[in-house]
Amino acid sequence: MGNEASATPPRQNGPQLPSNARLMNTAIKQRLSKGTGKTTYNMKVVIRGDRQTGKSALFHRLEGGSFIREHRVTEQIQCSHVLWPYKTSDEMVNLEIWDVVDKAIIPSHIVDDSNGAAPPASMSKNLLPADASTIDVYKGAHAVIFMVDPTRKWTLDYVTANISDIPDGIDCVVLFCKKDLHHIWTMTDADIETFRSTQSPNVRTLQISLQDCYGMKELHSFFNVPFLKMKKKSLQQELDRAQREYNQSIVELDILLKHQNYEEFLQRLRSLQEQKVRKNRNHTAVVNNVALPTPKVKQTVRSSKDLPLFQEQQQKEEQKKKAIQEQKRQALRQQDNLETFKPSGGLNDDFFADVGDDDDDDDNDEEEHHHRN
């Protein structure tokens, strides 16, 4: 017997889920696999109550977990998100569940040493644990759940003192737990009925057992009320917006019909055509003024596609060189012809004589002729 008690449990094969992770419900799996399930709404649910009334146990049940038998102290506000499918549609609701504590347990390393009960006054609230005294837990809430332990009658006094703090328009349900221990209740059904009669119509009471899930179906039905109210508000806002757009469209249509003018339409049409023509002309002028890039003189063949272009450039370079050489040869021929030029009939003796000598001879002949006379 001792060996059996001390033996370690067998290790399971395959991947292990984290302690706070649970398998998804089969119905939700089927909706998500079809692509029709959409988390289109976020609904905040706040759980409140005196200490040791089962808030954390309900929180764990709503997450899909099993019943927690031992009491676990909740040090500060804890929050969880649960996908909740609405019964008559494929809409998925993201339930944001808050397990609220009135006074958080402050860790020992930030407790003031002077009295050992409160943190230093100079410490920022952002460093302190979250509780109902530092956070407005009802902000953005759609539903509130109060927990009552019928075996301890003073837990109902906590609800009576705090239920009036709920803002108007938020639905509330008071859960009387431990239905499986009804024989040890210190609270009677008459007490519950008396409490209910003093509350507003949006406050309801429900007897529940977290051990065997008695009343959980009714609790899920309660979620339909705040969800449909939230959906109605959202649809009403969409309807109001559609009504405003409808009225605006009617006004716009009446104005357009009243100021309809075919001549103005033709004038705008001609103006647009003229702008298009000017734009095309400007574009053509810009394209004509842009100089085409000339290929580089020295290029190397990088692929077979470049070979014809490279050969063509080489041929052009060779033709250019030949033309330059031919121009040089022609210039040399012209210079040689000028130096060796001689008429075919021969040259007279005075061909290379200076022009000035001829003028002097003519003057001498004139003087001799004058003396003779």
Protein backbone atom coordinates (compact mmCIF):
# COMPACT_ATOMS: atom_id res chain seq x y z
CA MET A 1 0.00 0.00 0.00
CA GLY A 2 2.83 2.39 0.86
CA ASN A 3 4.53 1.73 -2.45
CA GLU A 4 1.30 2.40 -4.29
CA ALA A 5 0.79 5.66 -2.44
CA SER A 6 4.33 6.87 -3.08
CA ALA A 7 4.40 5.82 -6.69
CA THR A 8 4.51 8.70 -9.17
CA PRO A 9 1.67 8.91 -11.68
CA PRO A 10 2.53 7.66 -15.16
CA ARG A 11 3.70 10.34 -17.61
CA GLN A 12 1.32 10.98 -20.48
CA ASN A 13 2.59 10.81 -24.01
CA GLY A 14 2.32 13.78 -26.35
CA PRO A 15 2.42 17.54 -25.76
CA GLN A 16 1.18 18.83 -22.41
CA LEU A 17 -1.22 21.77 -22.15
CA PRO A 18 -0.36 24.68 -19.85
CA SER A 19 -2.10 24.72 -16.51
CA ASN A 20 -4.35 27.63 -17.50
CA ALA A 21 -5.23 26.25 -20.96
CA ARG A 22 -8.29 24.17 -21.80
CA LEU A 23 -9.54 22.38 -24.88
CA MET A 24 -12.01 24.26 -27.06
CA ASN A 25 -15.60 23.13 -27.08
CA THR A 26 -16.53 20.89 -30.02
CA ALA A 27 -19.47 23.06 -31.08
CA ILE A 28 -17.28 26.16 -31.12
CA LYS A 29 -14.66 24.26 -33.13
CA GLN A 30 -17.26 23.38 -35.76
CA ARG A 31 -18.46 26.98 -36.03
CA LEU A 32 -14.96 28.35 -36.38
CA SER A 33 -13.96 25.68 -38.90
CA LYS A 34 -16.88 26.70 -41.15
CA GLY A 35 -15.70 30.29 -41.11
CA THR A 36 -19.07 31.57 -39.91
CA GLY A 37 -18.14 32.21 -36.30
CA LYS A 38 -17.00 35.76 -35.72
CA THR A 39 -16.13 37.54 -32.50
CA THR A 40 -18.07 40.66 -33.33
CA TYR A 41 -19.04 41.72 -29.81
CA ASN A 42 -17.15 42.25 -26.55
CA MET A 43 -19.18 41.92 -23.35
CA LYS A 44 -17.75 42.68 -19.92
CA VAL A 45 -19.05 40.71 -16.93
CA VAL A 46 -18.08 41.68 -13.37
CA ILE A 47 -18.16 39.14 -10.50
CA ARG A 48 -18.42 40.63 -7.01
CA GLY A 49 -19.12 39.37 -3.51
CA ASP A 50 -17.75 38.99 -0.02
CA ARG A 51 -14.69 36.85 0.66
CA GLN A 52 -15.04 33.08 0.35
CA THR A 53 -18.33 33.22 -1.53
CA GLY A 54 -17.11 31.30 -4.58
CA LYS A 55 -16.13 34.11 -6.97
CA SER A 56 -12.96 32.36 -8.15
CA ALA A 57 -14.78 29.03 -8.42
CA LEU A 58 -17.40 30.60 -10.71
CA PHE A 59 -14.63 32.36 -12.64
CA HIS A 60 -12.96 28.99 -13.20
CA ARG A 61 -16.24 27.35 -14.21
CA LEU A 62 -16.99 30.05 -16.79
CA GLU A 63 -13.54 29.45 -18.26
CA GLY A 64 -14.55 25.80 -18.77
CA GLY A 65 -12.61 24.39 -15.85
CA SER A 66 -13.60 21.89 -13.20
CA PHE A 67 -14.89 22.58 -9.71
CA ILE A 68 -12.32 23.90 -7.22
CA ARG A 69 -12.87 22.32 -3.83
CA GLU A 70 -10.19 24.09 -1.81
CA HIS A 71 -10.35 27.81 -1.14
CA ARG A 72 -7.79 29.94 -2.93
CA VAL A 73 -7.19 33.50 -1.88
CA THR A 74 -7.41 35.93 -4.79
CA GLU A 75 -4.73 38.57 -4.24
CA GLN A 76 -5.99 41.09 -6.81
CA ILE A 77 -8.41 41.51 -9.73
CA GLN A 78 -8.06 38.77 -12.31
CA CYS A 79 -9.47 38.84 -15.80
CA SER A 80 -10.17 36.20 -18.45
CA HIS A 81 -11.60 36.10 -21.99
CA VAL A 82 -14.06 33.38 -22.97
CA LEU A 83 -15.70 32.77 -26.35
CA TRP A 84 -19.44 32.48 -25.82
CA PRO A 85 -21.67 31.54 -28.79
CA TYR A 86 -25.14 33.03 -28.91
CA LYS A 87 -27.71 30.26 -29.16
CA THR A 88 -29.75 31.26 -32.24
CA SER A 89 -26.99 32.60 -34.50
CA ASP A 90 -23.40 32.06 -35.51
CA GLU A 91 -22.27 35.20 -33.71
CA MET A 92 -19.43 34.73 -31.24
CA VAL A 93 -19.23 36.92 -28.15
CA ASN A 94 -15.99 37.62 -26.34
CA LEU A 95 -16.86 37.48 -22.64
CA GLU A 96 -14.44 39.59 -20.61
CA ILE A 97 -14.87 38.22 -17.08
CA TRP A 98 -13.55 40.16 -14.08
CA ASP A 99 -13.05 38.50 -10.69
CA VAL A 100 -13.07 41.57 -8.43
CA VAL A 101 -11.59 41.89 -4.95
CA ASP A 102 -12.41 44.85 -2.74
CA LYS A 103 -8.95 45.09 -1.18
CA ALA A 104 -5.91 43.56 -2.80
CA ILE A 105 -3.21 41.80 -0.84
CA ILE A 106 -0.13 44.01 -1.03
CA PRO A 107 3.15 42.09 -1.48
CA SER A 108 5.54 42.23 1.44
CA HIS A 109 8.35 43.94 -0.50
CA ILE A 110 6.25 47.11 -1.00
CA VAL A 111 4.53 47.25 2.40
CA ASP A 112 5.45 50.24 4.57
CA ASP A 113 7.60 49.09 7.47
CA SER A 114 6.11 51.70 9.79
CA ASN A 115 2.78 49.95 10.25
CA GLY A 116 3.10 46.89 8.01
CA ALA A 117 -0.38 47.35 6.55
CA ALA A 118 -0.31 50.10 3.95
CA PRO A 119 2.13 51.05 1.18
CA PRO A 120 4.09 54.29 1.36
CA ALA A 121 2.08 57.39 0.46
CA SER A 122 4.68 58.44 -2.12
CA MET A 123 4.28 55.21 -4.12
CA SER A 124 2.44 55.44 -7.44
CA LYS A 125 -0.88 53.62 -7.76
CA ASN A 126 0.40 52.00 -10.96
CA LEU A 127 2.74 49.88 -8.83
CA LEU A 128 -0.01 48.65 -6.48
CA PRO A 129 -2.16 45.55 -7.07
CA ALA A 130 -5.50 46.22 -8.77
CA ASP A 131 -8.66 46.16 -6.66
CA ALA A 132 -12.05 47.86 -6.45
CA SER A 133 -10.57 50.80 -4.53
CA THR A 134 -8.14 51.75 -7.31
CA ILE A 135 -10.15 50.82 -10.45
CA ASP A 136 -13.66 51.65 -11.58
CA VAL A 137 -14.74 48.05 -12.14
CA TYR A 138 -18.14 49.06 -13.57
CA LYS A 139 -16.66 51.13 -16.39
CA GLY A 140 -17.70 49.52 -19.69
CA ALA A 141 -19.51 46.67 -17.90
CA HIS A 142 -22.60 45.05 -19.40
CA ALA A 143 -23.52 42.62 -16.59
CA VAL A 144 -22.78 42.16 -12.89
CA ILE A 145 -22.87 38.93 -10.87
CA PHE A 146 -23.07 39.03 -7.08
CA MET A 147 -22.14 35.90 -5.13
CA VAL A 148 -23.90 34.95 -1.86
CA ASP A 149 -23.06 32.06 0.47
CA PRO A 150 -26.37 31.03 2.07
CA THR A 151 -24.52 29.24 4.86
CA ARG A 152 -23.23 32.67 5.99
CA LYS A 153 -26.08 35.13 6.18
CA TRP A 154 -23.89 38.25 6.37
CA THR A 155 -22.75 37.72 2.77
CA LEU A 156 -26.22 38.92 1.71
CA ASP A 157 -25.67 42.12 3.68
CA TYR A 158 -22.59 42.79 1.49
CA VAL A 159 -24.78 42.60 -1.62
CA THR A 160 -27.42 44.89 -0.10
CA ALA A 161 -24.75 47.48 0.71
CA ASN A 162 -23.00 47.46 -2.68
CA ILE A 163 -25.69 46.68 -5.26
CA SER A 164 -26.78 50.31 -5.36
CA ASP A 165 -23.38 51.28 -6.81
CA ILE A 166 -24.21 49.59 -10.11
CA PRO A 167 -24.87 52.21 -12.83
CA ASP A 168 -28.30 52.36 -14.37
CA GLY A 169 -28.93 50.16 -17.38
CA ILE A 170 -26.62 47.30 -16.30
CA ASP A 171 -28.30 43.93 -15.69
CA CYS A 172 -27.47 42.10 -12.47
CA VAL A 173 -27.99 38.60 -11.15
CA VAL A 174 -27.47 37.48 -7.53
CA LEU A 175 -26.30 33.88 -7.24
CA PHE A 176 -27.11 31.95 -4.07
CA CYS A 177 -24.48 29.21 -4.15
CA LYS A 178 -24.10 25.78 -2.52
CA LYS A 179 -27.49 24.45 -3.57
CA ASP A 180 -26.05 20.97 -3.02
CA LEU A 181 -25.66 21.94 0.67
CA HIS A 182 -29.17 23.33 1.03
CA HIS A 183 -29.70 21.40 4.25
CA ILE A 184 -27.12 23.53 6.07
CA TRP A 185 -28.31 26.90 4.76
CA THR A 186 -28.89 29.58 7.38
CA MET A 187 -30.93 31.53 4.87
CA THR A 188 -34.49 30.62 3.91
CA ASP A 189 -36.31 30.99 0.61
CA ALA A 190 -38.42 33.67 2.24
CA ASP A 191 -35.31 35.72 2.93
CA ILE A 192 -34.31 35.45 -0.72
CA GLU A 193 -37.79 36.48 -1.87
CA THR A 194 -37.78 39.44 0.50
CA PHE A 195 -34.45 40.59 -0.88
CA ARG A 196 -35.64 40.26 -4.46
CA SER A 197 -38.80 42.25 -3.84
CA THR A 198 -36.78 45.25 -2.72
CA GLN A 199 -34.63 45.40 -5.85
CA SER A 200 -35.16 46.96 -9.27
CA PRO A 201 -36.50 44.90 -12.19
CA ASN A 202 -33.03 44.52 -13.74
CA VAL A 203 -31.87 42.54 -10.63
CA ARG A 204 -32.61 38.80 -10.65
CA THR A 205 -31.87 35.96 -8.23
CA LEU A 206 -30.70 32.46 -9.04
CA GLN A 207 -29.86 29.42 -6.92
CA ILE A 208 -26.82 27.56 -8.19
CA SER A 209 -24.36 24.79 -7.35
CA LEU A 210 -20.86 25.06 -8.76
CA GLN A 211 -20.08 21.47 -7.79
CA ASP A 212 -22.68 19.74 -10.00
CA CYS A 213 -23.35 22.76 -12.34
CA TYR A 214 -26.95 23.15 -11.19
CA GLY A 215 -28.23 26.51 -12.48
CA MET A 216 -25.39 27.03 -15.00
CA LYS A 217 -27.83 26.71 -17.91
CA GLU A 218 -29.96 29.49 -16.44
CA LEU A 219 -26.83 31.62 -15.92
CA HIS A 220 -25.90 31.25 -19.60
CA SER A 221 -29.46 32.25 -20.47
CA PHE A 222 -28.97 35.36 -18.33
CA PHE A 223 -26.04 36.35 -20.58
CA ASN A 224 -28.52 36.58 -23.47
CA VAL A 225 -30.18 39.61 -21.85
CA PRO A 226 -27.15 41.96 -21.66
CA PHE A 227 -25.89 40.66 -25.01
CA LEU A 228 -29.13 41.39 -26.84
CA LYS A 229 -29.36 44.77 -25.14
CA MET A 230 -25.82 45.56 -26.31
CA LYS A 231 -26.63 44.29 -29.81
CA LYS A 232 -29.84 46.35 -29.88
CA LYS A 233 -27.88 49.47 -28.95
CA SER A 234 -25.28 48.77 -31.64
CA LEU A 235 -27.94 48.13 -34.29
CA GLN A 236 -29.84 51.23 -33.19
CA GLN A 237 -26.69 53.31 -33.71
CA GLU A 238 -26.28 51.79 -37.16
CA LEU A 239 -29.94 52.47 -37.90
CA ASP A 240 -29.61 56.10 -36.79
CA ARG A 241 -26.54 56.53 -38.98
CA ALA A 242 -28.36 54.99 -41.95
CA GLN A 243 -31.31 57.32 -41.33
CA ARG A 244 -29.01 60.38 -41.30
CA GLU A 245 -27.35 59.28 -44.53
CA TYR A 246 -30.78 58.60 -46.06
CA ASN A 247 -31.99 62.12 -45.24
CA GLN A 248 -28.77 63.62 -46.54
CA SER A 249 -29.05 61.66 -49.79
CA ILE A 250 -32.56 62.98 -50.36
CA VAL A 251 -31.39 66.56 -49.90
CA GLU A 252 -28.45 66.05 -52.27
CA LEU A 253 -30.68 64.46 -54.90
CA ASP A 254 -33.19 67.33 -54.75
CA ILE A 255 -30.39 69.89 -55.15
CA LEU A 256 -28.89 68.06 -58.13
CA LEU A 257 -32.26 67.75 -59.87
CA LYS A 258 -33.05 71.41 -59.24
CA HIS A 259 -29.75 72.71 -60.66
CA GLN A 260 -29.48 70.34 -63.63
CA ASN A 261 -28.26 72.28 -66.74
CA TYR A 262 -27.24 70.72 -70.04
CA GLU A 263 -25.34 73.82 -71.29
CA GLU A 264 -23.13 73.83 -68.20
CA PHE A 265 -22.53 70.13 -68.70
CA LEU A 266 -21.36 70.66 -72.29
CA GLN A 267 -19.14 73.56 -71.19
CA ARG A 268 -17.48 71.41 -68.55
CA LEU A 269 -17.08 68.61 -71.08
CA ARG A 270 -15.34 70.93 -73.59
CA SER A 271 -13.13 72.30 -70.86
CA LEU A 272 -12.04 68.81 -69.90
CA GLN A 273 -11.31 67.93 -73.53
CA GLU A 274 -9.21 71.09 -73.99
CA GLN A 275 -7.24 70.32 -70.85
CA LYS A 276 -6.61 66.81 -72.13
CA VAL A 277 -5.38 68.14 -75.53
CA ARG A 278 -3.03 70.66 -73.85
CA LYS A 279 -1.71 67.98 -71.62
CA ASN A 280 -0.96 65.71 -74.59
CA ARG A 281 0.81 68.54 -76.43
CA ASN A 282 2.97 69.37 -73.46
CA HIS A 283 3.84 65.75 -73.05
CA THR A 284 4.82 65.43 -76.73
CA ALA A 285 6.99 68.56 -76.54
CA VAL A 286 8.79 67.27 -73.50
CA VAL A 287 9.43 63.92 -75.16
CA ASN A 288 10.83 65.62 -78.32
CA ASN A 289 13.17 67.87 -76.33
CA VAL A 290 14.64 65.04 -74.37
CA ALA A 291 17.89 63.83 -76.00
CA LEU A 292 18.19 60.13 -76.43
CA PRO A 293 21.06 58.62 -74.47
CA THR A 294 24.04 57.62 -76.66
CA PRO A 295 25.60 54.23 -76.08
CA LYS A 296 29.03 54.07 -74.56
CA VAL A 297 32.00 53.67 -76.93
CA LYS A 298 33.62 50.94 -74.94
CA GLN A 299 31.36 48.10 -74.06
CA THR A 300 31.88 44.47 -73.37
CA VAL A 301 29.68 41.62 -74.44
CA ARG A 302 27.90 40.30 -71.36
CA SER A 303 25.35 38.13 -73.12
CA SER A 304 24.43 36.89 -76.57
CA LYS A 305 21.79 39.62 -76.81
CA ASP A 306 24.50 42.32 -76.69
CA LEU A 307 26.58 40.82 -79.53
CA PRO A 308 24.74 42.45 -82.51
CA LEU A 309 24.85 45.87 -80.89
CA PHE A 310 28.55 45.49 -80.11
CA GLN A 311 29.38 44.46 -83.67
CA GLU A 312 27.39 47.39 -85.08
CA GLN A 313 29.28 49.84 -82.87
CA GLN A 314 32.62 48.39 -83.96
CA GLN A 315 31.67 48.78 -87.63
CA LYS A 316 30.68 52.41 -87.05
CA GLU A 317 34.00 53.11 -85.30
CA GLU A 318 35.97 51.54 -88.16
CA GLN A 319 34.05 53.54 -90.78
CA LYS A 320 34.68 56.72 -88.80
CA LYS A 321 38.41 56.01 -88.61
CA LYS A 322 38.58 55.31 -92.36
CA ALA A 323 36.76 58.56 -93.12
CA ILE A 324 39.23 60.52 -90.98
CA GLN A 325 42.22 58.88 -92.65
CA GLU A 326 40.76 59.61 -96.11
CA GLN A 327 40.32 63.29 -95.21
CA LYS A 328 43.97 63.47 -94.12
CA ARG A 329 45.17 61.89 -97.37
CA GLN A 330 43.15 64.33 -99.46
CA ALA A 331 44.63 67.27 -97.56
CA LEU A 332 48.17 66.01 -98.24
CA ARG A 333 47.41 65.61 -101.96
CA GLN A 334 46.19 69.20 -102.22
CA GLN A 335 49.40 70.50 -100.59
CA ASP A 336 51.64 68.54 -102.99
CA ASN A 337 49.69 69.80 -106.01
CA LEU A 338 50.21 73.43 -105.02
CA GLU A 339 53.98 73.02 -104.68
CA THR A 340 54.50 71.18 -108.01
CA PHE A 341 51.88 73.06 -110.00
CA LYS A 342 53.02 74.06 -113.60
CA PRO A 343 50.82 74.99 -116.57
CA SER A 344 50.80 72.57 -119.48
CA GLY A 345 51.97 75.28 -122.06
CA GLY A 346 55.08 76.19 -120.13
CA LEU A 347 56.02 79.26 -118.08
CA ASN A 348 57.31 82.69 -119.18
CA ASP A 349 60.51 84.11 -117.73
CA ASP A 350 58.68 86.75 -115.74
CA PHE A 351 56.13 84.25 -114.16
CA PHE A 352 57.99 84.18 -110.89
CA ALA A 353 59.09 87.87 -111.03
CA ASP A 354 57.89 90.32 -108.40
CA VAL A 355 55.05 92.55 -109.28
CA GLY A 356 56.96 95.57 -107.95
CA ASP A 357 59.89 95.10 -110.45
CA ASP A 358 57.50 95.30 -113.38
CA ASP A 359 56.18 98.61 -112.17
CA ASP A 360 59.71 100.09 -111.94
CA ASP A 361 60.58 99.01 -115.49
CA ASP A 362 57.43 100.62 -116.77
CA ASP A 363 58.36 103.91 -115.03
CA ASN A 364 61.92 103.89 -116.53
CA ASP A 365 60.57 103.37 -120.04
CA GLU A 366 58.24 106.32 -119.61
CA GLU A 367 61.13 108.59 -118.45
CA GLU A 368 63.34 107.64 -121.42
CA HIS A 369 60.54 108.29 -123.83
CA HIS A 370 59.98 111.74 -122.23
CA HIS A 371 63.68 112.79 -122.63
CA ARG A 372 63.75 111.79 -126.24
CA ASN A 373 60.89 113.98 -126.97
